[in-house]
Protein backbone atom coordinates (compact mmCIF):
# COMPACT_ATOMS: atom_id res chain seq x y z
CA UNK A 1 0.03 0.07 0.05
CA UNK A 2 1.41 3.34 -0.98
CA UNK A 3 1.79 5.88 1.80
CA UNK A 4 2.96 8.92 -0.42
CA UNK A 5 4.55 9.76 -3.69
CA UNK A 6 7.70 11.96 -4.20
CA UNK A 7 7.84 12.68 -0.55
CA UNK A 8 10.43 13.10 2.24
CA UNK A 9 8.31 12.42 5.22
CA UNK A 10 4.79 11.04 6.14
CA UNK A 11 2.73 11.82 9.12
CA UNK A 12 -0.89 10.56 9.06
CA UNK A 13 -2.99 8.07 10.96
CA UNK A 14 -3.68 4.61 9.64
CA UNK A 15 -6.14 1.98 11.01
CA UNK A 16 -4.68 -1.50 11.84
CA UNK A 17 -6.15 -4.72 13.35
CA UNK A 18 -6.41 -5.26 17.11
CA UNK A 19 -3.53 -7.25 18.48
CA UNK A 20 0.00 -7.74 17.20
CA UNK A 21 1.00 -6.18 13.74
CA UNK A 22 4.17 -6.53 11.72
CA UNK A 23 4.68 -4.22 8.84
CA UNK A 24 7.56 -3.20 6.53
CA UNK A 25 8.09 0.33 5.59
CA UNK A 26 9.80 0.61 2.02
CA UNK A 27 11.31 3.79 0.34
CA UNK A 28 11.88 3.53 -3.35
CA UNK A 29 13.74 6.26 -5.34
CA UNK A 30 13.34 7.08 -8.99
CA UNK A 31 15.83 4.39 -9.99
CA UNK A 32 14.06 1.81 -8.16
CA UNK A 33 16.65 1.68 -5.43
CA UNK A 34 14.99 0.99 -2.04
CA UNK A 35 15.56 0.70 1.63
CA UNK A 36 13.15 -0.78 4.08
CA UNK A 37 12.61 -1.25 7.85
CA UNK A 38 10.33 -3.70 9.63
CA UNK A 39 8.17 -2.52 12.59
CA UNK A 40 6.34 -4.58 15.11
CA UNK A 41 3.58 -2.92 17.15
CA UNK A 42 0.54 -3.80 19.16
CA UNK A 43 -2.89 -2.27 18.80
CA UNK A 44 -5.28 -2.12 21.86
CA UNK A 45 -8.03 0.28 21.28
CA UNK A 46 -10.61 -1.26 23.63
CA UNK A 47 -10.92 0.39 26.93
CA UNK A 48 -10.82 -1.74 30.13
CA UNK A 49 -14.13 -2.21 31.97
CA UNK A 50 -14.54 -2.59 35.75
CA UNK A 51 -17.70 -4.79 36.31
CA UNK A 52 -17.81 -4.90 40.10
CA UNK A 53 -15.98 -3.94 43.30
CA UNK A 54 -16.48 -5.17 46.77
CA UNK A 55 -17.19 -4.03 49.51
CA UNK A 56 -19.36 -0.99 48.49
CA UNK A 57 -20.51 -0.38 52.01
CA UNK A 58 -20.38 -1.70 55.63
CA UNK A 59 -17.25 -3.04 57.08
CA UNK A 60 -13.92 -4.31 55.61
CA UNK A 61 -10.98 -6.19 57.19
CA UNK A 62 -8.68 -5.02 54.48
CA UNK A 63 -9.82 -7.44 51.66
CA UNK A 64 -10.97 -5.68 48.56
CA UNK A 65 -12.14 -7.38 45.30
CA UNK A 66 -12.30 -6.13 41.71
CA UNK A 67 -13.99 -7.80 38.82
CA UNK A 68 -13.09 -6.63 35.36
CA UNK A 69 -12.64 -7.28 31.59
CA UNK A 70 -9.38 -6.51 29.97
CA UNK A 71 -7.48 -8.66 27.53
CA UNK A 72 -4.07 -6.80 27.81
CA UNK A 73 -3.89 -5.70 31.39
CA UNK A 74 -0.95 -3.54 32.57
CA UNK A 75 -1.90 -2.85 36.19
CA UNK A 76 -4.64 -2.23 38.73
CA UNK A 77 -4.37 0.59 41.26
CA UNK A 78 -6.21 0.78 44.59
CA UNK A 79 -6.38 4.27 46.15
CA UNK A 80 -7.40 4.62 49.76
CA UNK A 81 -6.76 7.15 52.52
CA UNK A 82 -4.02 9.02 50.40
CA UNK A 83 -2.38 5.64 49.73
CA UNK A 84 -1.70 3.93 46.45
CA UNK A 85 -1.28 0.13 46.03
CA UNK A 86 -0.40 -1.08 42.55
CA UNK A 87 -0.79 -4.76 41.36
CA UNK A 88 0.82 -5.75 38.09
CA UNK A 89 0.17 -9.53 38.59
CA UNK A 90 -3.61 -9.61 38.08
CA UNK A 91 -4.73 -11.81 35.18
CA UNK A 92 -5.91 -10.52 31.82
CA UNK A 93 -9.06 -11.73 30.20
CA UNK A 94 -12.84 -11.67 30.33
CA UNK A 95 -14.69 -11.94 33.73
CA UNK A 96 -11.44 -11.83 35.66
CA UNK A 97 -11.14 -10.91 39.33
CA UNK A 98 -8.28 -9.86 41.60
CA UNK A 99 -8.06 -9.55 45.42
CA UNK A 100 -6.18 -6.75 47.28
CA UNK A 101 -5.29 -7.48 50.97
CA UNK A 102 -4.46 -4.10 52.61
CA UNK A 103 -3.49 -3.43 56.27
CA UNK A 104 -6.31 -1.31 57.57
CA UNK A 105 -5.43 -1.62 61.25
CA UNK A 106 -4.10 1.89 61.45
CA UNK A 107 -7.55 3.13 60.66
CA UNK A 108 -9.51 0.83 63.04
CA UNK A 109 -13.19 1.88 63.39
CA UNK A 110 -12.55 4.77 61.08
CA UNK A 111 -14.32 5.57 57.76
CA UNK A 112 -11.99 4.72 54.74
CA UNK A 113 -12.75 5.99 51.22
CA UNK A 114 -11.39 4.02 48.23
CA UNK A 115 -11.71 3.39 44.51
CA UNK A 116 -10.08 1.19 41.86
CA UNK A 117 -8.39 2.21 38.66
CA UNK A 118 -7.54 -0.27 35.88
CA UNK A 119 -5.04 0.34 32.97
CA UNK A 120 -4.22 -1.58 29.92
CA UNK A 121 -0.95 -1.75 28.00
CA UNK A 122 -1.99 1.10 25.68
CA UNK A 123 -2.70 3.44 28.49
CA UNK A 124 -6.46 3.13 28.37
CA UNK A 125 -8.14 3.40 31.84
CA UNK A 126 -11.25 2.93 33.79
CA UNK A 127 -12.03 3.95 37.27
CA UNK A 128 -14.72 2.81 39.73
CA UNK A 129 -16.79 4.97 41.95
CA UNK A 130 -15.56 6.18 45.17
CA UNK A 131 -16.92 4.03 48.05
CA UNK A 132 -16.76 4.52 51.83
CA UNK A 133 -16.39 1.62 54.29
CA UNK A 134 -15.50 1.26 58.04
CA UNK A 135 -12.22 -0.43 58.96
CA UNK A 136 -12.70 -3.59 61.18
CA UNK A 137 -9.73 -5.83 61.49
CA UNK A 138 -10.24 -7.25 64.96
CA UNK A 139 -12.06 -10.66 65.25
CA UNK A 140 -14.86 -11.29 67.65
CA UNK A 141 -13.06 -13.15 70.45
CA UNK A 142 -14.59 -16.43 71.69
CA UNK A 143 -14.89 -16.90 75.42
CA UNK A 144 -15.96 -20.40 76.48
CA UNK A 145 -17.50 -20.17 79.94
CA UNK A 146 -18.60 -23.83 80.19
CA UNK A 147 -15.66 -26.18 80.28
CA UNK A 148 -16.32 -28.25 77.15
CA UNK A 149 -13.31 -30.52 77.50
CA UNK A 150 -15.02 -33.20 79.65
CA UNK A 151 -17.37 -36.08 79.48
CA UNK A 152 -21.09 -35.68 78.61
CA UNK A 153 -24.16 -37.99 78.55
CA UNK A 154 -25.84 -37.58 75.09
CA UNK A 155 -26.10 -33.72 75.27
CA UNK A 156 -23.28 -31.24 75.30
CA UNK A 157 -24.04 -27.97 77.14
CA UNK A 158 -22.72 -24.82 75.45
CA UNK A 159 -21.93 -21.58 77.25
CA UNK A 160 -20.12 -19.15 74.95
CA UNK A 161 -19.81 -15.39 74.84
CA UNK A 162 -18.28 -13.10 72.24
CA UNK A 163 -16.72 -9.64 72.90
CA UNK A 164 -18.61 -8.35 69.71
CA UNK A 165 -21.43 -9.39 67.49
CA UNK A 166 -20.62 -12.20 65.08
CA UNK A 167 -21.96 -15.50 63.62
CA UNK A 168 -21.07 -18.53 65.66
CA UNK A 169 -20.31 -22.07 64.17
CA UNK A 170 -18.67 -25.30 65.01
CA UNK A 171 -16.88 -27.56 62.65
CA UNK A 172 -16.40 -31.35 62.98
CA UNK A 173 -15.00 -33.62 60.32
CA UNK A 174 -15.03 -30.71 57.82
CA UNK A 175 -18.75 -30.23 58.31
CA UNK A 176 -19.95 -26.78 59.56
CA UNK A 177 -22.99 -26.36 61.73
CA UNK A 178 -24.68 -23.19 62.92
CA UNK A 179 -24.90 -22.22 66.56
CA UNK A 180 -26.24 -18.77 66.15
CA UNK A 181 -26.15 -15.82 63.73
CA UNK A 182 -25.30 -12.16 64.56
CA UNK A 183 -25.19 -12.93 68.27
CA UNK A 184 -23.13 -12.01 71.32
CA UNK A 185 -23.55 -15.29 73.18
CA UNK A 186 -24.77 -18.82 72.88
CA UNK A 187 -26.05 -20.54 76.13
CA UNK A 188 -25.06 -17.71 78.44
CA UNK A 189 -28.59 -16.17 79.06
CA UNK A 190 -30.47 -19.41 78.33
CA UNK A 191 -29.05 -22.99 78.50
CA UNK A 192 -28.15 -24.32 75.00
CA UNK A 193 -27.34 -27.89 74.35
CA UNK A 194 -26.61 -30.14 71.32
CA UNK A 195 -26.91 -33.90 71.03
CA UNK A 196 -23.80 -35.77 69.89
CA UNK A 197 -23.16 -39.42 69.14
CA UNK A 198 -21.19 -41.60 71.51
CA UNK A 199 -17.41 -41.30 71.37
CA UNK A 200 -14.71 -38.63 71.16
CA UNK A 201 -15.43 -35.40 69.21
CA UNK A 202 -12.92 -32.85 68.08
CA UNK A 203 -14.64 -29.53 67.45
CA UNK A 204 -13.48 -26.14 66.19
CA UNK A 205 -15.53 -23.26 67.43
CA UNK A 206 -15.41 -20.37 65.05
CA UNK A 207 -16.80 -16.70 65.07
CA UNK A 208 -17.08 -14.68 61.91
CA UNK A 209 -18.01 -11.02 62.17
CA UNK A 210 -19.53 -8.71 59.61
CA UNK A 211 -16.14 -7.78 58.17
CA UNK A 212 -15.01 -11.39 57.69
CA UNK A 213 -12.73 -11.49 60.70
CA UNK A 214 -12.59 -14.80 62.57
CA UNK A 215 -11.53 -16.43 65.76
CA UNK A 216 -11.30 -20.07 66.55
CA UNK A 217 -11.09 -22.37 69.60
CA UNK A 218 -10.35 -26.10 69.39
CA UNK A 219 -12.02 -28.40 71.87
CA UNK A 220 -12.22 -32.13 72.51
CA UNK A 221 -15.11 -33.80 74.37
CA UNK A 222 -16.43 -37.39 74.94
CA UNK A 223 -20.04 -38.50 74.92
CA UNK A 224 -20.96 -41.76 76.69
């Protein structure tokens, strides 16, 4: 394809396909002598798109999620409290997601504003809205008032308190069971008991608060 005739320079725009392009520029004089140079370049005209971020309200323990579409990702920036965190290892592609784990403990119980910015290799960018959450990095501590490490007859009595509101579970053999949701105690104001089969039981008591922080206590009991 001819770019120009009887010229010494050429400055105009040309449209090329998306992706990698290899072209050869050839200059030919009136005697058909020529010189040429091969150029390799990449076209990326599609802007990246942020599809979702989380959390958008409530509490955060420092975990932030971004979902996006970008085939040629360069980096993702997270701006919060006049801080900048850049991640260049997030994957490229459609319906991708990337997690950021930030230390929010210096801002405990404070409001934190943040937003994401995504950039591709051609410098195209997209930015999310600015969201405000509350920093909560401390787990709801489990206090077991009834000594559970003992022998029971059919029913196990629970008496557990928490130092802040959380969901309370116990796990045995990789199976999770609910004790209570959004509670401060289980069995403290009213007796609570669960039936277990005969034999030794190894339980993990776990609390999960609204920000995703968790505390655990391992106990062993025997039912006869």
